[in-house]
Amino acid sequence: MARLLELMDPIVRRLPEIPKPQRKVPLKEKALWTIIALAIYLVMAEIPMYGVPFFETGYEQYMFYRVIFASKQGSLMELGIGPIVTAGLIMQILAGSKLLNVNMSDPKDRGLFTGTQKILAILMTLLEGVAFLMGGSYGSPDTITSVFIIAQLVAVGIIVLLMDEMIQKGWGLGSGVSLFILAGVAQQVMWLSFSPFGPVDTLNRSLGAIVATFQTLLSGQNFMTILSRYPYPDLTGFLTMLLVFFIAVYLEGMKIEIPVAYAKYGGMRAKIPLKFMYVSNIPIILASALFANFYFLGQMLWRNFNVANDNVWVNWFVQMNATASTSTANAPLLPNCLLYYFQAPKSVTTVAADPVHAIAYLLILVGFSIVFAKVWVEVSGMSARAQADQLVNAGLQIPGFRRSPAIIEQILNRYIPSLTLLSGIMIGLLAGIADMLGAIGSGIGILLSVGIIYQYYQILAKEQLTEAYPGLGKFLGQD
């Protein structure tokens, strides 16, 4: 597999690429490019694809994943950032398992790794588009319409890839993936909380949870009916969203500080913070991407080989109830298959009806979060060994100890493995419980939003500081 990156070199060289800026890009210009990318994303999310109905009737099973992938059903952003996340997941697993030998400190290897990931993202766009088509998400279009649908998805996928690359390479702030996720979550939270459109439920209330709450109070209806009204947003989901948001903000501020000294500056002291949420939201993004792709695969297999649920080779993996929906694309999963336990129960009512499903889903989600947390720490340079090497190379040491990578690694090993495990468990539990309580914006979406907001706060603070004091740029790791 080591040779694979070199084999991809001729293709990587021919890929469209956004060049790095050859000058210092001012903060205002970065903000402008970021807003332009966001505007393009929002516009594409409102443009329907040719040959596809923009709004489907009924509840969409895949809606749960759309928050994470910043996608919108029937629009040009049908796949959102899903292919990019999936490609990143595959490449990280290959690198973490050493099936793909790559030296991320070598600029050539790093460039080939990034280029190969871009190729894989384009291929995943094509494959996911075909999976949606075969899974019945677009009905039964003719051959020409099907080709146009796939062509639109691939073209938009490349545009999204380039916008993300533009922002990450220094023309914008943060990353396109984070920006689009935050925009999608914010849009969904506002719409599902305050939308006046309706009536949607049996009591003639509006879609928005807060609007429906006031309608319940003013009409004298039973207040308990607004606490749970699945599949529509309710007060329980709104309050859960707020609670998870504040818990995530609190956890984001928790950290352990490791004292260090600068040998070159007369032993000047400083502190290196190790966040309690050490792996941030990466494990839950990767776990969600994996679950979503399992669902794509299951939907495609069921629609093409098991619509009657009579295929013993497919039944163990996926069974769906075709009679419970007007569209096979929206058919709910049946509890007799593995895939059923990879999807969260979406309300307190469904949890009470099938607690085994809730417990199994939570254990699976937490388990995958732990696995991806450990993998991410190893492949992203966050392990104790990698951090020790970085500290020594930066001329730092821990006061009272020799300036040796082995000693620093031994000290960091007291904290980093535990933080990795605890943050993986916590992020899985928070996301899973919030989803089971029907949190508006989804538990995963809320956690991602908090992490992204905090990331942008740090980026803006750093940008403002380096503009006010240009000499600090190199000290803070900027080019």
Protein backbone atom coordinates (compact mmCIF):
# COMPACT_ATOMS: atom_id res chain seq x y z
CA MET A 1 0.00 0.00 0.00
CA ALA A 2 2.98 2.31 0.42
CA ARG A 3 3.27 2.42 -3.37
CA LEU A 4 -0.38 3.47 -3.74
CA LEU A 5 0.26 7.15 -3.02
CA GLU A 6 2.98 7.29 -5.69
CA LEU A 7 0.69 5.59 -8.20
CA MET A 8 -1.90 8.28 -7.56
CA ASP A 9 0.61 11.09 -8.23
CA PRO A 10 -0.21 11.55 -11.98
CA ILE A 11 -3.94 11.83 -11.21
CA VAL A 12 -3.37 14.14 -8.21
CA ARG A 13 -1.38 16.53 -10.43
CA ARG A 14 -4.37 16.88 -12.79
CA LEU A 15 -6.95 17.57 -10.11
CA PRO A 16 -8.38 21.10 -9.82
CA GLU A 17 -6.62 22.79 -6.93
CA ILE A 18 -6.86 26.03 -4.98
CA PRO A 19 -3.36 27.55 -4.57
CA LYS A 20 -2.14 28.79 -1.22
CA PRO A 21 -2.07 32.57 -0.87
CA GLN A 22 1.38 34.01 -1.58
CA ARG A 23 0.75 36.92 0.76
CA LYS A 24 -0.67 37.61 4.17
CA VAL A 25 -4.45 37.61 3.73
CA PRO A 26 -6.10 40.28 5.95
CA LEU A 27 -8.84 39.21 8.36
CA LYS A 28 -11.51 41.19 6.50
CA GLU A 29 -10.63 39.47 3.22
CA LYS A 30 -10.70 36.04 4.91
CA ALA A 31 -14.11 36.87 6.36
CA LEU A 32 -15.31 37.95 2.91
CA TRP A 33 -14.23 34.68 1.22
CA THR A 34 -15.78 32.71 4.09
CA ILE A 35 -19.10 34.53 3.67
CA ILE A 36 -19.00 33.98 -0.11
CA ALA A 37 -18.45 30.22 0.38
CA LEU A 38 -21.30 30.11 2.91
CA ALA A 39 -23.60 32.03 0.56
CA ILE A 40 -22.85 29.61 -2.31
CA TYR A 41 -23.61 26.68 -0.01
CA LEU A 42 -26.93 28.20 1.14
CA VAL A 43 -27.97 29.02 -2.44
CA MET A 44 -27.16 25.48 -3.64
CA ALA A 45 -29.17 24.10 -0.72
CA GLU A 46 -32.25 25.90 -2.10
CA ILE A 47 -31.85 24.93 -5.77
CA PRO A 48 -33.68 21.69 -6.65
CA MET A 49 -31.89 19.09 -8.73
CA TYR A 50 -33.16 18.48 -12.22
CA GLY A 51 -35.43 15.46 -12.28
CA VAL A 52 -35.90 15.28 -8.49
CA PRO A 53 -38.89 16.59 -6.47
CA PHE A 54 -37.54 19.27 -4.10
CA PHE A 55 -39.82 18.42 -1.21
CA GLU A 56 -40.81 14.82 -0.45
CA THR A 57 -43.92 14.17 1.60
CA GLY A 58 -43.69 12.23 4.83
CA TYR A 59 -40.87 11.55 7.24
CA GLU A 60 -37.46 10.81 5.72
CA GLN A 61 -35.42 8.15 7.51
CA TYR A 62 -32.14 9.73 6.40
CA MET A 63 -33.10 13.15 7.86
CA PHE A 64 -31.24 12.29 11.09
CA TYR A 65 -27.91 12.27 9.21
CA ARG A 66 -28.51 15.40 7.17
CA VAL A 67 -27.52 17.68 10.05
CA ILE A 68 -24.08 16.08 10.26
CA PHE A 69 -23.55 16.12 6.50
CA ALA A 70 -24.94 19.64 5.93
CA SER A 71 -27.22 18.25 3.22
CA LYS A 72 -30.76 19.03 2.11
CA GLN A 73 -33.14 16.59 0.47
CA GLY A 74 -33.89 17.12 -3.21
CA SER A 75 -31.49 20.07 -3.57
CA LEU A 76 -28.07 20.35 -5.19
CA MET A 77 -26.70 19.80 -1.65
CA GLU A 78 -28.33 16.36 -1.51
CA LEU A 79 -25.05 14.73 -0.42
CA GLY A 80 -23.62 17.75 1.40
CA ILE A 81 -20.19 17.07 2.88
CA GLY A 82 -20.93 13.34 3.27
CA PRO A 83 -18.45 12.19 0.58
CA ILE A 84 -15.68 14.37 2.05
CA VAL A 85 -16.25 13.00 5.56
CA THR A 86 -16.46 9.42 4.30
CA ALA A 87 -13.26 9.78 2.26
CA GLY A 88 -11.51 11.22 5.31
CA LEU A 89 -12.79 8.33 7.42
CA ILE A 90 -11.43 5.73 4.98
CA MET A 91 -8.04 7.45 4.62
CA GLN A 92 -7.64 7.87 8.38
CA ILE A 93 -8.44 4.19 8.98
CA LEU A 94 -5.91 3.15 6.30
CA ALA A 95 -3.25 5.42 7.76
CA GLY A 96 -4.04 4.52 11.37
CA SER A 97 -3.90 0.78 10.68
CA LYS A 98 -0.59 1.24 8.79
CA LEU A 99 -2.13 -0.27 5.66
CA LEU A 100 -1.15 3.02 4.05
CA ASN A 101 2.35 4.12 5.01
CA VAL A 102 2.49 7.89 4.97
CA ASN A 103 4.89 10.31 6.64
CA MET A 104 2.81 13.40 7.42
CA SER A 105 5.96 15.38 8.23
CA ASP A 106 7.12 14.93 4.62
CA PRO A 107 5.49 17.66 2.41
CA LYS A 108 5.43 15.34 -0.62
CA ASP A 109 3.74 12.50 1.27
CA ARG A 110 1.31 14.92 2.88
CA GLY A 111 0.41 16.41 -0.50
CA LEU A 112 -0.12 12.97 -2.04
CA PHE A 113 -2.22 11.90 0.95
CA THR A 114 -4.44 15.00 0.61
CA GLY A 115 -4.70 14.57 -3.17
CA THR A 116 -5.63 10.90 -2.86
CA GLN A 117 -8.28 11.86 -0.31
CA LYS A 118 -9.72 14.35 -2.85
CA ILE A 119 -9.88 11.61 -5.51
CA LEU A 120 -11.59 9.31 -3.03
CA ALA A 121 -14.08 12.06 -2.09
CA ILE A 122 -15.05 12.45 -5.77
CA LEU A 123 -15.43 8.69 -6.13
CA MET A 124 -17.55 8.57 -2.95
CA THR A 125 -19.77 11.31 -4.41
CA LEU A 126 -20.34 9.12 -7.45
CA LEU A 127 -20.92 5.97 -5.36
CA GLU A 128 -23.27 7.67 -2.88
CA GLY A 129 -25.22 9.22 -5.75
CA VAL A 130 -25.66 5.79 -7.32
CA ALA A 131 -26.61 4.35 -3.91
CA PHE A 132 -29.31 7.03 -3.46
CA LEU A 133 -30.56 6.34 -6.97
CA MET A 134 -30.68 2.57 -6.47
CA GLY A 135 -32.15 3.02 -2.99
CA GLY A 136 -35.21 4.75 -4.44
CA SER A 137 -34.55 8.25 -3.03
CA TYR A 138 -35.39 9.78 -6.42
CA GLY A 139 -38.21 7.44 -7.36
CA SER A 140 -37.72 5.58 -10.65
CA PRO A 141 -36.30 8.11 -13.16
CA ASP A 142 -35.44 7.12 -16.72
CA THR A 143 -31.85 6.58 -17.86
CA ILE A 144 -31.23 10.12 -19.15
CA THR A 145 -32.64 11.72 -15.99
CA SER A 146 -30.55 9.36 -13.85
CA VAL A 147 -27.37 10.44 -15.70
CA PHE A 148 -28.26 14.10 -15.16
CA ILE A 149 -28.85 13.49 -11.44
CA ILE A 150 -25.46 11.80 -10.99
CA ALA A 151 -23.71 14.50 -13.07
CA GLN A 152 -25.25 17.23 -10.89
CA LEU A 153 -24.17 15.49 -7.68
CA VAL A 154 -20.58 15.00 -8.88
CA ALA A 155 -20.28 18.62 -10.13
CA VAL A 156 -21.61 20.04 -6.86
CA GLY A 157 -19.39 17.62 -4.89
CA ILE A 158 -16.30 19.03 -6.64
CA ILE A 159 -17.46 22.61 -5.94
CA VAL A 160 -17.92 21.82 -2.23
CA LEU A 161 -14.50 20.14 -2.16
CA LEU A 162 -12.85 23.22 -3.70
CA MET A 163 -14.65 25.62 -1.34
CA ASP A 164 -13.46 23.60 1.64
CA GLU A 165 -9.92 23.58 0.21
CA MET A 166 -10.03 27.34 -0.41
CA ILE A 167 -10.98 28.07 3.19
CA GLN A 168 -8.51 25.59 4.71
CA LYS A 169 -5.58 26.85 2.63
CA GLY A 170 -5.79 30.30 4.19
CA TRP A 171 -8.21 32.26 2.02
CA GLY A 172 -10.96 31.88 4.60
CA LEU A 173 -11.47 31.10 8.29
CA GLY A 174 -11.58 27.57 9.70
CA SER A 175 -12.76 24.91 7.27
CA GLY A 176 -15.61 24.62 4.81
CA VAL A 177 -16.80 21.37 6.39
CA SER A 178 -17.19 23.04 9.80
CA LEU A 179 -18.78 26.14 8.31
CA PHE A 180 -21.43 24.21 6.38
CA ILE A 181 -22.25 21.96 9.36
CA LEU A 182 -22.75 25.00 11.60
CA ALA A 183 -24.95 26.72 9.01
CA GLY A 184 -27.06 23.58 8.57
CA VAL A 185 -27.55 23.05 12.30
CA ALA A 186 -28.38 26.72 12.95
CA GLN A 187 -30.87 26.70 10.09
CA GLN A 188 -32.58 23.55 11.35
CA VAL A 189 -32.71 24.72 14.99
CA MET A 190 -34.32 28.04 14.03
CA TRP A 191 -36.81 26.41 11.65
CA LEU A 192 -37.87 23.56 13.94
CA SER A 193 -38.11 25.87 16.97
CA PHE A 194 -39.90 28.91 15.54
CA SER A 195 -41.55 27.89 12.25
CA PRO A 196 -45.16 29.18 12.19
CA PHE A 197 -46.13 26.91 9.27
CA GLY A 198 -48.80 24.33 9.88
CA PRO A 199 -50.96 22.87 11.17
CA VAL A 200 -48.93 19.66 11.13
CA ASP A 201 -50.19 17.52 14.00
CA THR A 202 -53.59 16.18 15.05
CA LEU A 203 -54.15 19.16 17.38
CA ASN A 204 -53.68 21.67 14.53
CA ARG A 205 -50.46 23.16 15.89
CA SER A 206 -47.55 24.64 13.92
CA LEU A 207 -44.27 22.92 13.11
CA GLY A 208 -42.06 25.05 15.40
CA ALA A 209 -41.77 23.67 18.94
CA ILE A 210 -41.91 27.09 20.65
CA VAL A 211 -44.79 28.33 18.49
CA ALA A 212 -46.68 25.08 19.15
CA THR A 213 -46.03 25.45 22.90
CA PHE A 214 -47.67 28.90 22.96
CA GLN A 215 -50.56 27.58 20.86
CA THR A 216 -51.05 24.79 23.41
CA LEU A 217 -51.06 27.22 26.35
CA LEU A 218 -53.34 29.78 24.70
CA SER A 219 -55.88 27.19 23.51
CA GLY A 220 -56.10 25.49 26.90
CA GLN A 221 -55.03 22.10 25.49
CA ASN A 222 -53.36 19.48 27.68
CA PHE A 223 -49.80 20.72 28.27
CA MET A 224 -48.44 17.16 28.26
CA THR A 225 -49.23 16.89 24.54
CA ILE A 226 -46.48 19.38 23.66
CA LEU A 227 -43.85 17.45 25.61
CA SER A 228 -43.94 14.60 23.09
CA ARG A 229 -45.37 14.73 19.56
CA TYR A 230 -42.96 12.65 17.45
CA PRO A 231 -42.11 12.96 14.56
CA TYR A 232 -42.65 16.73 14.97
CA PRO A 233 -40.39 18.91 17.18
CA ASP A 234 -41.63 19.27 20.75
CA LEU A 235 -40.79 21.10 23.96
CA THR A 236 -38.78 18.16 25.33
CA GLY A 237 -36.54 18.32 22.26
CA PHE A 238 -36.10 22.09 22.60
CA LEU A 239 -35.18 21.88 26.31
CA THR A 240 -32.87 18.93 25.62
CA MET A 241 -31.15 21.00 22.93
CA LEU A 242 -30.51 23.83 25.40
CA LEU A 243 -29.30 21.44 28.13
CA VAL A 244 -26.87 19.61 25.83
CA PHE A 245 -25.61 22.94 24.48
CA PHE A 246 -24.74 24.22 27.97
CA ILE A 247 -23.20 20.89 29.03
CA ALA A 248 -21.06 20.89 25.89
CA VAL A 249 -19.95 24.49 26.53
CA TYR A 250 -18.99 23.56 30.10
CA LEU A 251 -17.05 20.47 29.01
CA GLU A 252 -15.30 22.47 26.28
CA GLY A 253 -13.78 24.69 28.98
CA MET A 254 -12.51 21.80 31.15
CA LYS A 255 -8.80 21.12 30.79
CA ILE A 256 -5.66 19.85 32.49
CA GLU A 257 -2.67 22.19 32.31
CA ILE A 258 0.85 20.78 31.93
CA PRO A 259 3.61 23.19 33.04
CA VAL A 260 6.44 23.65 30.53
CA ALA A 261 9.55 25.82 30.31
CA TYR A 262 11.30 27.42 27.33
CA ALA A 263 14.96 26.42 27.47
CA LYS A 264 15.92 29.11 24.93
CA TYR A 265 14.33 31.91 26.93
CA GLY A 266 15.97 31.41 30.31
CA GLY A 267 13.46 28.86 31.54
CA MET A 268 10.39 31.05 30.96
CA ARG A 269 7.34 29.16 32.23
CA ALA A 270 4.08 28.46 30.41
CA LYS A 271 1.26 25.91 30.47
CA ILE A 272 0.11 23.48 27.79
CA PRO A 273 -3.66 22.80 28.11
CA LEU A 274 -4.98 19.27 27.53
CA LYS A 275 -8.74 19.59 27.03
CA PHE A 276 -11.08 17.15 28.75
CA MET A 277 -12.78 16.75 25.35
CA TYR A 278 -9.37 15.80 24.00
CA VAL A 279 -10.55 14.35 20.69
CA SER A 280 -13.24 17.02 20.24
CA ASN A 281 -16.14 15.88 18.02
CA ILE A 282 -14.08 13.89 15.51
CA PRO A 283 -15.14 10.41 16.83
CA ILE A 284 -18.84 11.19 16.59
CA ILE A 285 -18.44 12.58 13.06
CA LEU A 286 -16.64 9.43 11.95
CA ALA A 287 -19.12 7.14 13.74
CA SER A 288 -22.06 8.97 12.15
CA ALA A 289 -20.44 8.76 8.72
CA LEU A 290 -20.03 5.01 9.19
CA PHE A 291 -23.65 4.57 10.36
CA ALA A 292 -24.94 6.65 7.45
CA ASN A 293 -23.03 4.56 4.93
CA PHE A 294 -24.35 1.38 6.55
CA TYR A 295 -27.84 2.83 6.06
CA PHE A 296 -27.13 3.68 2.39
CA LEU A 297 -25.92 0.13 1.81
CA GLY A 298 -28.84 -1.40 3.68
CA GLN A 299 -31.43 0.66 1.82
CA MET A 300 -29.91 -0.27 -1.54
CA LEU A 301 -29.71 -3.99 -0.68
CA TRP A 302 -33.27 -4.07 0.66
CA ARG A 303 -34.85 -2.24 -2.28
CA ASN A 304 -33.09 -4.37 -4.88
CA PHE A 305 -32.96 -7.80 -3.22
CA ASN A 306 -35.29 -7.93 -0.21
CA VAL A 307 -38.41 -5.76 -0.58
CA ALA A 308 -40.56 -8.68 0.61
CA ASN A 309 -38.18 -9.39 3.53
CA ASP A 310 -37.84 -13.00 2.38
CA ASN A 311 -34.12 -13.09 1.53
CA VAL A 312 -32.42 -15.00 4.36
CA TRP A 313 -28.99 -13.71 3.24
CA VAL A 314 -30.05 -10.06 3.62
CA ASN A 315 -32.58 -10.26 6.46
CA TRP A 316 -29.94 -10.40 9.22
CA PHE A 317 -28.56 -7.04 8.03
CA VAL A 318 -31.61 -5.10 6.89
CA GLN A 319 -35.41 -5.45 6.92
CA MET A 320 -37.82 -2.58 6.24
CA ASN A 321 -41.56 -2.07 6.44
CA ALA A 322 -42.67 -1.13 2.92
CA THR A 323 -46.34 -0.80 3.92
CA ALA A 324 -45.58 1.91 6.53
CA SER A 325 -44.54 4.50 3.91
CA THR A 326 -45.71 5.71 0.52
CA SER A 327 -42.11 5.57 -0.69
CA THR A 328 -39.61 2.71 -0.40
CA ALA A 329 -36.93 5.35 0.25
CA ASN A 330 -38.72 6.30 3.49
CA ALA A 331 -39.58 2.80 4.68
CA PRO A 332 -38.77 2.37 8.41
CA LEU A 333 -36.41 -0.32 9.63
CA LEU A 334 -37.81 -3.42 11.33
CA PRO A 335 -36.42 -4.57 14.71
CA ASN A 336 -35.30 -7.99 13.46
CA CYS A 337 -32.11 -6.78 11.74
CA LEU A 338 -28.68 -5.44 12.68
CA LEU A 339 -29.16 -2.08 10.97
CA TYR A 340 -32.12 -1.29 13.24
CA TYR A 341 -29.74 -1.02 16.22
CA PHE A 342 -27.46 1.40 14.36
CA GLN A 343 -30.23 3.99 14.21
CA ALA A 344 -31.29 6.03 17.23
CA PRO A 345 -34.82 5.93 18.63
CA LYS A 346 -35.94 9.53 18.10
CA SER A 347 -38.19 10.25 21.11
CA VAL A 348 -38.98 9.33 24.70
CA THR A 349 -42.04 7.41 23.45
CA THR A 350 -40.01 5.17 21.12
CA VAL A 351 -37.41 4.60 23.86
CA ALA A 352 -40.12 3.49 26.29
CA ALA A 353 -41.63 1.21 23.64
CA ASP A 354 -38.31 -0.54 22.93
CA PRO A 355 -35.69 0.04 25.67
CA VAL A 356 -33.48 -2.75 24.31
CA HIS A 357 -33.09 -0.78 21.08
CA ALA A 358 -32.12 2.35 23.04
CA ILE A 359 -29.52 0.54 25.17
CA ALA A 360 -28.07 -1.32 22.19
CA TYR A 361 -27.80 1.86 20.12
CA LEU A 362 -26.13 3.74 22.95
CA LEU A 363 -23.59 0.97 23.54
CA ILE A 364 -22.81 0.72 19.80
CA LEU A 365 -22.42 4.50 19.45
CA VAL A 366 -20.18 4.81 22.53
CA GLY A 367 -18.15 1.79 21.42
CA PHE A 368 -17.46 3.25 17.98
CA SER A 369 -16.73 6.67 19.53
CA ILE A 370 -14.04 5.09 21.72
CA VAL A 371 -12.51 3.19 18.79
CA PHE A 372 -12.43 6.28 16.55
CA ALA A 373 -11.09 8.42 19.41
CA LYS A 374 -8.13 6.07 19.82
CA VAL A 375 -7.53 5.85 16.05
CA TRP A 376 -7.74 9.63 15.63
CA VAL A 377 -5.26 10.31 18.43
CA GLU A 378 -2.74 8.01 16.76
CA VAL A 379 -3.10 9.26 13.18
CA SER A 380 -3.46 12.99 13.92
CA GLY A 381 -0.29 13.47 15.97
CA MET A 382 -2.12 13.79 19.31
CA SER A 383 -0.62 10.71 20.97
CA ALA A 384 1.72 11.07 23.95
CA ARG A 385 4.75 10.15 21.82
CA ALA A 386 3.89 12.62 19.04
CA GLN A 387 3.18 15.40 21.53
CA ALA A 388 6.44 14.72 23.37
CA ASP A 389 8.42 14.97 20.12
CA GLN A 390 6.66 18.23 19.24
CA LEU A 391 7.44 19.75 22.64
CA VAL A 392 11.13 18.79 22.42
CA ASN A 393 11.40 20.08 18.84
CA ALA A 394 9.85 23.37 19.96
CA GLY A 395 12.54 23.74 22.65
CA LEU A 396 10.20 22.99 25.56
CA GLN A 397 10.65 20.80 28.59
CA ILE A 398 8.73 19.98 31.74
CA PRO A 399 10.28 21.72 34.76
CA GLY A 400 12.17 19.33 37.02
CA PHE A 401 12.73 16.75 34.29
CA ARG A 402 15.38 16.24 31.64
CA ARG A 403 14.59 17.45 28.11
CA SER A 404 13.99 13.96 26.78
CA PRO A 405 11.09 12.79 24.57
CA ALA A 406 10.89 9.50 26.49
CA ILE A 407 10.48 11.26 29.85
CA ILE A 408 7.92 13.75 28.52
CA GLU A 409 6.03 10.90 26.84
CA GLN A 410 5.94 9.02 30.14
CA ILE A 411 4.46 12.07 31.89
CA LEU A 412 1.90 12.74 29.15
CA ASN A 413 0.86 9.07 29.23
CA ARG A 414 -0.57 9.74 32.67
CA TYR A 415 -3.22 11.96 31.05
CA ILE A 416 -3.66 11.49 27.29
CA PRO A 417 -4.90 7.84 27.18
CA SER A 418 -7.42 8.57 29.96
CA LEU A 419 -8.59 11.79 28.31
CA THR A 420 -8.95 9.97 24.99
CA LEU A 421 -11.12 7.26 26.54
CA LEU A 422 -13.22 9.64 28.66
CA SER A 423 -13.83 12.12 25.84
CA GLY A 424 -14.84 9.29 23.49
CA ILE A 425 -17.31 7.96 26.06
CA MET A 426 -18.69 11.40 26.94
CA ILE A 427 -19.22 12.52 23.35
CA GLY A 428 -20.98 9.24 22.53
CA LEU A 429 -23.23 9.39 25.60
CA LEU A 430 -24.19 13.03 25.12
CA ALA A 431 -24.99 12.58 21.43
CA GLY A 432 -26.88 9.33 21.96
CA ILE A 433 -29.01 10.47 24.91
CA ALA A 434 -29.82 13.80 23.22
CA ASP A 435 -30.98 11.98 20.08
CA MET A 436 -33.14 9.61 22.10
CA LEU A 437 -34.81 12.62 23.77
CA GLY A 438 -35.52 14.13 20.36
CA ALA A 439 -33.17 17.13 20.70
CA ILE A 440 -33.84 19.74 18.02
CA GLY A 441 -30.87 19.87 15.67
CA SER A 442 -29.88 16.37 16.90
CA GLY A 443 -27.44 15.68 19.73
CA ILE A 444 -24.57 15.26 17.29
CA GLY A 445 -25.44 18.52 15.56
CA ILE A 446 -25.48 20.46 18.84
CA LEU A 447 -22.13 19.03 19.95
CA LEU A 448 -20.60 19.80 16.57
CA SER A 449 -21.97 23.36 16.71
CA VAL A 450 -20.46 24.04 20.13
CA GLY A 451 -17.07 22.73 19.02
CA ILE A 452 -17.19 24.73 15.77
CA ILE A 453 -18.25 27.96 17.51
CA TYR A 454 -15.42 27.53 20.00
CA GLN A 455 -13.00 26.83 17.12
CA TYR A 456 -14.07 29.99 15.31
CA TYR A 457 -13.74 32.00 18.52
CA GLN A 458 -10.12 30.85 18.84
CA ILE A 459 -9.41 31.49 15.15
CA LEU A 460 -10.82 35.02 15.28
CA ALA A 461 -8.94 35.80 18.51
CA LYS A 462 -5.67 34.58 16.94
CA GLU A 463 -6.27 36.52 13.71
CA GLN A 464 -7.02 39.75 15.57
CA LEU A 465 -3.96 39.28 17.78
CA THR A 466 -1.59 38.67 14.85
CA GLU A 467 -2.98 41.68 12.97
CA ALA A 468 -2.41 43.89 16.02
CA TYR A 469 1.03 42.37 16.72
CA PRO A 470 2.47 40.96 13.42
CA GLY A 471 5.56 39.59 15.18
CA LEU A 472 3.41 37.04 17.03
CA GLY A 473 2.47 35.25 13.78
CA LYS A 474 5.40 32.84 13.76
CA PHE A 475 5.14 32.29 17.51
CA LEU A 476 1.49 31.21 17.09
CA GLY A 477 2.35 28.83 14.24
CA GLN A 478 1.13 30.95 11.33
CA ASP A 479 2.99 31.25 8.02
